[in-house]
Amino acid sequence: MKVLHVAETIRGGIATYLNELHPHQRTSLGAGNVHYVIPSGHRTDLVGIEDAEITEFGRSDRGVSGLFRMLVATLRAVHRQQPDVVHLHSSFAGLVLRPFLLLRRKRPRVVYCPHGWAFSRETGRLSHQVTKITEGILAKITDRIICISRDEYKEGVQAGIDPDRLVLVHNGISKHRPLLDTVSAIWPSDKTKVLFIGRLDRQKGYDLLTEAARALEDQVDVRIVGASVIGKYKDEGRALPSNVSLLGWQDRHQIEAQLEKADLVVIPSRWEAFGLVALEAMRAAKPIIAFRIGALPEIVEDGVTGVLCEPTSAAQLAEGFRRALKLDLPAVGQRGYERFRQLYDIEKTHRVLSQVYVDLGRGDHIRSRQQAELQSDSPNNF
């Protein structure tokens, strides 16, 4: 079996998802049978994947020209690779490519992972309805839609998407941490050390974090690993509080070093389909502070492995920090590590996803749903 992964952007969670999955897929499917179509500017985000396994396309923004280049690169890769399955990641790839793949005479099976429904984001009412209708129409020409959390699965059903096309495949990461870049592991501070990892945009709550940090300048020391993916976020240029440091993008080994020194990991997202950063924090035995949104209540147990705040605001995030500072943070982090070991292993993700591919190849529409039930055995924490 050959699988072609396509993404309009991978920086952040999708890159982590692909990096974690690749060794397992390459081993089970064989060298040369897993290929990727990604933006050329994000090539270095894929680690341990050979150039021969990657097709790149130029993209400077999310304009029509970049999406057209993605389309052309994908159709060429499909022609060369002749994949059995084309696995599309995130909304733009799903929107642009599914109609064109339908037109091919020898059509591969199409698997789509939204990594967060477009209609679940903060948008106006009209945009919300248009994206929901569009996803509903495109679902009818998609062989299987991978939902990475219970919350995403539930939202898909509520939006009217046929449950027979939805499969729950929880995200996972390796139990083994990458090597630490010890040069980056210097963080002198007498305050509680807080780490943020992610894009600087409205979704990820960068502005909420800086505002909350400003209210706690004498208690927390915040490091931000990340940058804008496309253009510059409107709040990125604002003066930072004295207790916030902006480090830019770092590689996996540098991030692990920052995690090692941190006392607490913050995920202040306004909406989040899953939040792989939460798993990385738990693997490093670090407590998490986040809002009670999306899949995060499935991952973080309030008061046990971290702190959940609501409603979504800078004031509530600051209050969440105050709650967290009263906890035994190392003990909370250790409980998070045990939860991670039990529930979020990438080998489990790989097994269930592989079964989805196999069932599609057989034309079996029932077994994939049974496999989804096996995958969805983690407890709800709502």
Protein backbone atom coordinates (compact mmCIF):
# COMPACT_ATOMS: atom_id res chain seq x y z
CA MET A 1 0.00 0.00 0.00
CA LYS A 2 1.16 3.54 -0.81
CA VAL A 3 0.09 6.61 1.18
CA LEU A 4 0.47 10.25 0.15
CA HIS A 5 0.14 12.89 2.89
CA VAL A 6 -0.69 16.45 1.79
CA ALA A 7 -0.80 19.63 3.86
CA GLU A 8 -1.04 23.32 2.97
CA THR A 9 0.94 24.13 6.13
CA ILE A 10 2.60 21.83 8.66
CA ARG A 11 4.28 24.23 11.06
CA GLY A 12 3.25 23.31 14.59
CA GLY A 13 0.96 20.40 15.40
CA ILE A 14 0.73 18.84 11.93
CA ALA A 15 4.53 18.60 11.69
CA THR A 16 4.60 16.85 15.06
CA TYR A 17 1.82 14.51 13.92
CA LEU A 18 3.67 13.56 10.73
CA ASN A 19 7.07 13.24 12.41
CA GLU A 20 5.67 10.93 15.06
CA LEU A 21 3.72 8.81 12.58
CA HIS A 22 6.35 8.50 9.83
CA PRO A 23 8.73 5.90 11.35
CA HIS A 24 5.82 3.55 12.02
CA GLN A 25 4.23 3.97 8.60
CA ARG A 26 7.56 3.62 6.82
CA THR A 27 8.33 0.42 8.72
CA SER A 28 4.94 -1.17 8.11
CA LEU A 29 4.41 0.02 4.51
CA GLY A 30 8.02 -0.11 3.31
CA ALA A 31 10.56 2.41 2.06
CA GLY A 32 9.20 4.57 -0.74
CA ASN A 33 5.57 3.90 0.09
CA VAL A 34 4.97 6.98 2.26
CA HIS A 35 5.28 10.38 0.57
CA TYR A 36 4.55 13.99 1.54
CA VAL A 37 3.48 17.17 -0.26
CA ILE A 38 4.34 20.22 1.87
CA PRO A 39 5.37 23.88 1.54
CA SER A 40 9.06 24.29 0.69
CA GLY A 41 9.51 26.75 3.54
CA HIS A 42 8.50 24.04 6.03
CA ARG A 43 10.87 21.32 4.79
CA THR A 44 13.08 21.50 7.88
CA ASP A 45 10.04 20.84 10.10
CA LEU A 46 9.99 17.22 8.90
CA VAL A 47 12.80 15.42 10.71
CA GLY A 48 14.29 12.10 9.64
CA ILE A 49 12.31 12.02 6.38
CA GLU A 50 14.39 11.79 3.21
CA ASP A 51 14.19 14.34 0.41
CA ALA A 52 13.09 11.60 -2.00
CA GLU A 53 9.98 11.11 0.15
CA ILE A 54 8.92 14.77 -0.10
CA THR A 55 7.42 16.94 -2.85
CA GLU A 56 7.64 20.65 -2.11
CA PHE A 57 5.64 23.59 -3.41
CA GLY A 58 6.28 27.31 -3.06
CA ARG A 59 3.95 29.29 -0.84
CA SER A 60 4.45 32.72 0.64
CA ASP A 61 0.92 33.23 1.91
CA ARG A 62 -2.56 31.69 1.90
CA GLY A 63 -3.47 33.38 -1.34
CA VAL A 64 -4.81 31.72 -4.45
CA SER A 65 -1.35 31.31 -5.97
CA GLY A 66 -0.07 29.25 -3.04
CA LEU A 67 -3.14 27.02 -3.05
CA PHE A 68 -2.82 26.56 -6.82
CA ARG A 69 0.82 25.48 -6.44
CA MET A 70 -0.25 22.99 -3.77
CA LEU A 71 -2.87 21.60 -6.15
CA VAL A 72 -0.40 21.23 -9.03
CA ALA A 73 2.26 19.64 -6.80
CA THR A 74 -0.29 17.18 -5.39
CA LEU A 75 -1.65 16.11 -8.77
CA ARG A 76 1.90 15.56 -10.03
CA ALA A 77 2.75 13.52 -6.93
CA VAL A 78 -0.40 11.43 -7.37
CA HIS A 79 0.56 10.77 -11.00
CA ARG A 80 4.12 9.76 -10.05
CA GLN A 81 3.45 7.87 -6.82
CA GLN A 82 0.13 6.23 -7.74
CA PRO A 83 -0.92 6.13 -4.06
CA ASP A 84 -3.69 3.89 -2.78
CA VAL A 85 -4.59 6.50 -0.15
CA VAL A 86 -4.27 10.29 -0.23
CA HIS A 87 -4.36 11.57 3.35
CA LEU A 88 -5.22 15.30 3.47
CA HIS A 89 -4.40 17.40 6.52
CA SER A 90 -6.32 20.52 7.61
CA SER A 91 -9.03 22.61 6.01
CA PHE A 92 -7.31 24.25 3.04
CA ALA A 93 -5.90 21.00 1.67
CA GLY A 94 -9.28 19.35 2.18
CA LEU A 95 -11.16 22.20 0.51
CA VAL A 96 -8.96 22.51 -2.58
CA LEU A 97 -7.98 18.91 -3.27
CA ARG A 98 -11.03 16.75 -2.63
CA PRO A 99 -13.01 17.98 -5.68
CA PHE A 100 -10.02 17.51 -8.00
CA LEU A 101 -9.21 14.04 -6.70
CA LEU A 102 -12.81 13.06 -7.38
CA LEU A 103 -12.29 13.87 -11.08
CA ARG A 104 -9.39 11.44 -11.54
CA ARG A 105 -10.19 8.37 -13.61
CA LYS A 106 -8.23 6.09 -11.28
CA ARG A 107 -9.17 7.73 -8.01
CA PRO A 108 -7.25 6.89 -4.83
CA ARG A 109 -9.06 6.54 -1.53
CA VAL A 110 -9.30 9.95 0.13
CA VAL A 111 -8.79 10.32 3.88
CA TYR A 112 -9.21 13.77 5.41
CA CYS A 113 -8.14 14.96 8.85
CA PRO A 114 -9.40 18.49 9.61
CA HIS A 115 -7.17 18.89 12.71
CA GLY A 116 -10.00 21.08 13.98
CA TRP A 117 -13.16 21.83 12.02
CA ALA A 118 -13.14 25.20 10.26
CA PHE A 119 -16.69 25.80 11.52
CA SER A 120 -15.52 25.43 15.14
CA ARG A 121 -13.24 28.45 14.96
CA GLU A 122 -14.05 32.01 16.00
CA THR A 123 -15.78 33.42 12.92
CA GLY A 124 -18.88 35.38 12.01
CA ARG A 125 -22.24 33.66 11.70
CA LEU A 126 -22.19 33.66 7.89
CA SER A 127 -18.69 32.22 7.71
CA HIS A 128 -19.65 29.59 10.27
CA GLN A 129 -22.63 28.46 8.21
CA VAL A 130 -20.73 28.50 4.91
CA THR A 131 -17.88 26.39 6.27
CA LYS A 132 -20.31 23.93 7.89
CA ILE A 133 -22.25 23.51 4.63
CA THR A 134 -19.01 23.17 2.65
CA GLU A 135 -17.64 20.50 4.98
CA GLY A 136 -20.95 18.64 4.75
CA ILE A 137 -20.86 18.62 0.95
CA LEU A 138 -17.20 17.61 0.74
CA ALA A 139 -17.73 14.83 3.31
CA LYS A 140 -19.89 13.06 0.72
CA ILE A 141 -16.85 12.68 -1.59
CA THR A 142 -14.46 11.66 1.20
CA ASP A 143 -13.90 7.99 1.96
CA ARG A 144 -13.06 8.57 5.60
CA ILE A 145 -12.69 11.58 7.92
CA ILE A 146 -10.24 11.16 10.80
CA CYS A 147 -11.31 12.90 14.01
CA ILE A 148 -8.44 13.31 16.46
CA SER A 149 -10.60 13.76 19.56
CA ARG A 150 -14.04 12.92 20.93
CA ASP A 151 -14.90 16.61 20.74
CA GLU A 152 -14.07 16.79 17.02
CA TYR A 153 -16.06 13.61 16.33
CA LYS A 154 -19.07 14.96 18.24
CA GLU A 155 -18.95 18.30 16.40
CA GLY A 156 -18.84 16.49 13.06
CA VAL A 157 -21.96 14.48 13.91
CA GLN A 158 -23.74 17.60 15.18
CA ALA A 159 -22.90 19.35 11.90
CA GLY A 160 -24.79 16.65 10.03
CA ILE A 161 -21.83 14.69 8.65
CA ASP A 162 -22.59 11.00 8.15
CA PRO A 163 -21.14 9.11 11.16
CA ASP A 164 -20.22 6.24 8.81
CA ARG A 165 -17.58 8.51 7.31
CA LEU A 166 -16.15 9.61 10.67
CA VAL A 167 -13.50 7.64 12.55
CA LEU A 168 -12.06 8.58 15.93
CA VAL A 169 -8.28 8.15 15.97
CA HIS A 170 -6.75 9.87 18.97
CA ASN A 171 -3.42 11.60 18.53
CA GLY A 172 -0.37 10.08 20.13
CA ILE A 173 3.37 10.64 20.38
CA SER A 174 6.34 8.41 21.11
CA LYS A 175 6.95 7.39 24.71
CA HIS A 176 10.60 8.29 24.18
CA ARG A 177 11.60 11.94 24.42
CA PRO A 178 14.00 13.41 21.84
CA LEU A 179 17.52 14.20 23.02
CA LEU A 180 17.87 17.51 24.81
CA ASP A 181 19.95 20.36 23.37
CA THR A 182 21.80 21.14 26.60
CA VAL A 183 23.00 24.50 25.26
CA SER A 184 19.37 25.66 25.33
CA ALA A 185 18.76 24.30 28.84
CA ILE A 186 19.69 27.49 30.73
CA TRP A 187 16.77 29.26 32.38
CA PRO A 188 17.86 31.23 35.45
CA SER A 189 14.82 32.53 37.34
CA ASP A 190 13.50 32.60 40.89
CA LYS A 191 9.92 32.77 39.58
CA THR A 192 7.74 29.89 38.37
CA LYS A 193 8.96 29.09 34.86
CA VAL A 194 6.12 28.91 32.31
CA LEU A 195 6.54 27.66 28.74
CA PHE A 196 4.32 28.34 25.69
CA ILE A 197 4.89 26.46 22.41
CA GLY A 198 2.95 27.37 19.29
CA ARG A 199 1.99 29.85 16.62
CA LEU A 200 1.53 33.47 17.53
CA ASP A 201 -2.04 33.96 16.39
CA ARG A 202 -5.49 34.54 17.79
CA GLN A 203 -6.37 30.85 17.97
CA LYS A 204 -3.41 30.04 20.20
CA GLY A 205 -4.20 32.87 22.64
CA TYR A 206 -0.83 34.60 22.48
CA ASP A 207 -2.46 37.91 23.44
CA LEU A 208 -4.28 36.36 26.41
CA LEU A 209 -1.03 34.90 27.71
CA THR A 210 0.91 38.15 27.53
CA GLU A 211 -1.92 40.02 29.25
CA ALA A 212 -2.14 37.42 32.03
CA ALA A 213 1.65 37.43 32.41
CA ARG A 214 1.59 41.22 32.81
CA ALA A 215 -0.71 40.77 35.82
CA LEU A 216 1.74 38.29 37.38
CA GLU A 217 5.10 39.92 36.65
CA ASP A 218 6.45 39.20 40.11
CA GLN A 219 5.35 35.52 40.13
CA VAL A 220 5.93 33.89 36.71
CA ASP A 221 8.67 33.95 34.09
CA VAL A 222 7.24 33.13 30.64
CA ARG A 223 9.11 31.86 27.60
CA ILE A 224 7.37 31.73 24.22
CA VAL A 225 8.63 29.28 21.61
CA GLY A 226 7.01 30.09 18.27
CA ALA A 227 6.24 32.78 15.71
CA SER A 228 3.61 33.71 13.18
CA VAL A 229 3.21 31.15 10.40
CA ILE A 230 1.85 33.49 7.73
CA GLY A 231 2.37 37.23 7.91
CA LYS A 232 2.53 38.91 11.29
CA TYR A 233 -0.12 38.59 13.97
CA LYS A 234 -1.52 42.02 14.82
CA ASP A 235 -0.59 41.69 18.52
CA GLU A 236 2.90 40.34 17.86
CA GLY A 237 4.52 43.77 17.69
CA ARG A 238 3.19 45.00 21.03
CA ALA A 239 5.65 45.60 23.83
CA LEU A 240 6.03 42.48 25.96
CA PRO A 241 5.86 42.47 29.76
CA SER A 242 9.26 42.29 31.46
CA ASN A 243 8.63 38.65 32.46
CA VAL A 244 7.98 37.39 28.90
CA SER A 245 10.71 36.29 26.46
CA LEU A 246 10.03 35.55 22.78
CA LEU A 247 12.40 32.82 21.51
CA GLY A 248 11.05 32.21 17.99
CA TRP A 249 10.81 28.75 16.41
CA GLN A 250 13.16 26.12 17.80
CA ASP A 251 13.93 22.57 16.77
CA ARG A 252 12.65 19.52 18.64
CA HIS A 253 15.82 19.11 20.72
CA GLN A 254 15.81 22.75 21.83
CA ILE A 255 12.13 22.54 22.73
CA GLU A 256 12.75 19.46 24.87
CA ALA A 257 15.47 21.39 26.70
CA GLN A 258 13.02 24.21 27.41
CA LEU A 259 10.45 21.67 28.61
CA GLU A 260 13.01 20.13 30.93
CA LYS A 261 13.59 23.46 32.69
CA ALA A 262 9.96 24.63 32.76
CA ASP A 263 7.75 24.26 35.83
CA LEU A 264 4.48 24.63 33.94
CA VAL A 265 3.26 24.51 30.31
CA VAL A 266 0.50 26.89 29.23
CA ILE A 267 -1.93 26.25 26.34
CA PRO A 268 -4.12 29.39 26.21
CA SER A 269 -5.90 28.46 22.95
CA ARG A 270 -9.31 29.94 22.19
CA TRP A 271 -10.17 26.76 20.22
CA GLU A 272 -8.19 23.56 19.85
CA ALA A 273 -8.97 20.30 18.07
CA PHE A 274 -6.51 18.38 20.21
CA GLY A 275 -3.31 20.08 21.38
CA LEU A 276 -0.25 17.89 20.83
CA VAL A 277 1.73 20.27 23.03
CA ALA A 278 -0.28 18.88 25.93
CA LEU A 279 1.05 15.38 25.22
CA GLU A 280 4.62 16.67 24.92
CA ALA A 281 4.23 18.40 28.26
CA MET A 282 2.81 15.27 29.91
CA ARG A 283 5.61 13.14 28.45
CA ALA A 284 8.06 15.54 30.11
CA ALA A 285 6.09 15.28 33.39
CA LYS A 286 5.05 18.94 33.32
CA PRO A 287 1.69 20.27 34.61
CA ILE A 288 -0.58 22.04 32.11
CA ILE A 289 -2.73 25.13 32.38
CA ALA A 290 -5.34 25.55 29.64
CA PHE A 291 -8.88 26.70 28.93
CA ARG A 292 -11.76 24.23 29.11
CA ILE A 293 -12.27 24.15 25.34
CA GLY A 294 -12.18 21.59 22.52
CA ALA A 295 -10.36 18.37 23.34
CA LEU A 296 -8.28 19.77 26.19
CA PRO A 297 -10.71 18.58 28.91
CA GLU A 298 -10.25 15.07 27.47
CA ILE A 299 -6.50 15.33 27.99
CA VAL A 300 -6.04 17.46 31.11
CA GLU A 301 -7.68 16.47 34.41
CA ASP A 302 -8.41 19.65 36.32
CA GLY A 303 -6.61 19.69 39.65
CA VAL A 304 -4.97 16.33 38.91
CA THR A 305 -2.66 16.74 35.90
CA GLY A 306 -3.11 20.49 35.50
CA VAL A 307 -5.54 23.39 35.73
CA LEU A 308 -8.47 24.16 33.42
CA CYS A 309 -9.84 27.71 33.24
CA GLU A 310 -13.15 29.11 32.05
CA PRO A 311 -14.45 31.22 30.47
CA THR A 312 -11.74 32.12 27.95
CA SER A 313 -10.18 35.39 29.07
CA ALA A 314 -6.88 36.84 30.27
CA ALA A 315 -8.35 37.40 33.74
CA GLN A 316 -9.38 33.74 34.06
CA LEU A 317 -5.98 32.62 32.79
CA ALA A 318 -4.27 34.75 35.43
CA GLU A 319 -6.57 33.23 38.06
CA GLY A 320 -5.67 29.78 36.72
CA PHE A 321 -2.00 30.58 37.22
CA ARG A 322 -2.72 31.58 40.82
CA ARG A 323 -4.48 28.24 41.38
CA ALA A 324 -1.61 26.35 39.79
CA LEU A 325 1.01 28.08 41.94
CA LYS A 326 -0.67 26.63 45.04
CA LEU A 327 -0.25 23.04 43.77
CA ASP A 328 2.63 20.63 44.16
CA LEU A 329 3.69 21.08 40.53
CA PRO A 330 6.17 18.16 40.32
CA ALA A 331 3.52 15.77 41.70
CA VAL A 332 0.91 17.11 39.26
CA GLY A 333 3.37 16.66 36.41
CA GLN A 334 4.10 13.08 37.42
CA ARG A 335 0.39 12.24 37.36
CA GLY A 336 0.23 13.73 33.87
CA TYR A 337 3.12 11.51 32.80
CA GLU A 338 1.33 8.38 34.03
CA ARG A 339 -1.82 9.41 32.15
CA PHE A 340 0.20 9.96 28.99
CA ARG A 341 1.82 6.52 29.25
CA GLN A 342 -1.58 4.90 29.60
CA LEU A 343 -3.52 6.66 26.84
CA TYR A 344 -1.49 8.51 24.22
CA ASP A 345 1.06 6.20 22.63
CA ILE A 346 1.75 6.81 18.90
CA GLU A 347 1.86 3.06 18.30
CA LYS A 348 -1.85 2.91 19.15
CA THR A 349 -2.57 5.79 16.78
CA HIS A 350 -0.63 4.02 14.03
CA ARG A 351 -2.43 0.70 14.52
CA VAL A 352 -5.90 2.20 14.27
CA LEU A 353 -5.04 4.46 11.34
CA SER A 354 -3.46 1.55 9.48
CA GLN A 355 -6.63 -0.46 9.95
CA VAL A 356 -8.63 2.42 8.46
CA TYR A 357 -6.39 2.33 5.37
CA VAL A 358 -6.68 -1.44 5.07
CA ASP A 359 -10.46 -1.43 5.49
CA LEU A 360 -10.82 1.20 2.78
CA GLY A 361 -8.69 -0.90 0.46
CA ARG A 362 -11.03 -3.81 1.09
CA GLY A 363 -14.13 -1.70 0.71
CA ASP A 364 -15.02 -2.55 4.31
CA HIS A 365 -17.08 0.27 5.84
CA ILE A 366 -18.00 -1.48 9.09
CA ARG A 367 -14.67 -2.52 10.56
CA SER A 368 -13.32 1.03 10.55
CA ARG A 369 -16.13 2.09 12.87
CA GLN A 370 -15.41 -0.90 15.11
CA GLN A 371 -11.75 0.10 15.23
CA ALA A 372 -12.81 3.62 16.15
CA GLU A 373 -14.71 2.23 19.12
CA LEU A 374 -11.54 0.43 20.25
CA GLN A 375 -9.59 3.66 19.95
CA SER A 376 -12.10 5.75 21.90
CA ASP A 377 -11.62 4.00 25.21
CA SER A 378 -10.12 6.94 27.09
CA PRO A 379 -12.29 8.45 29.83
CA ASN A 380 -14.17 11.70 29.37
CA ASN A 381 -13.24 14.42 31.87
CA PHE A 382 -15.98 16.94 31.12
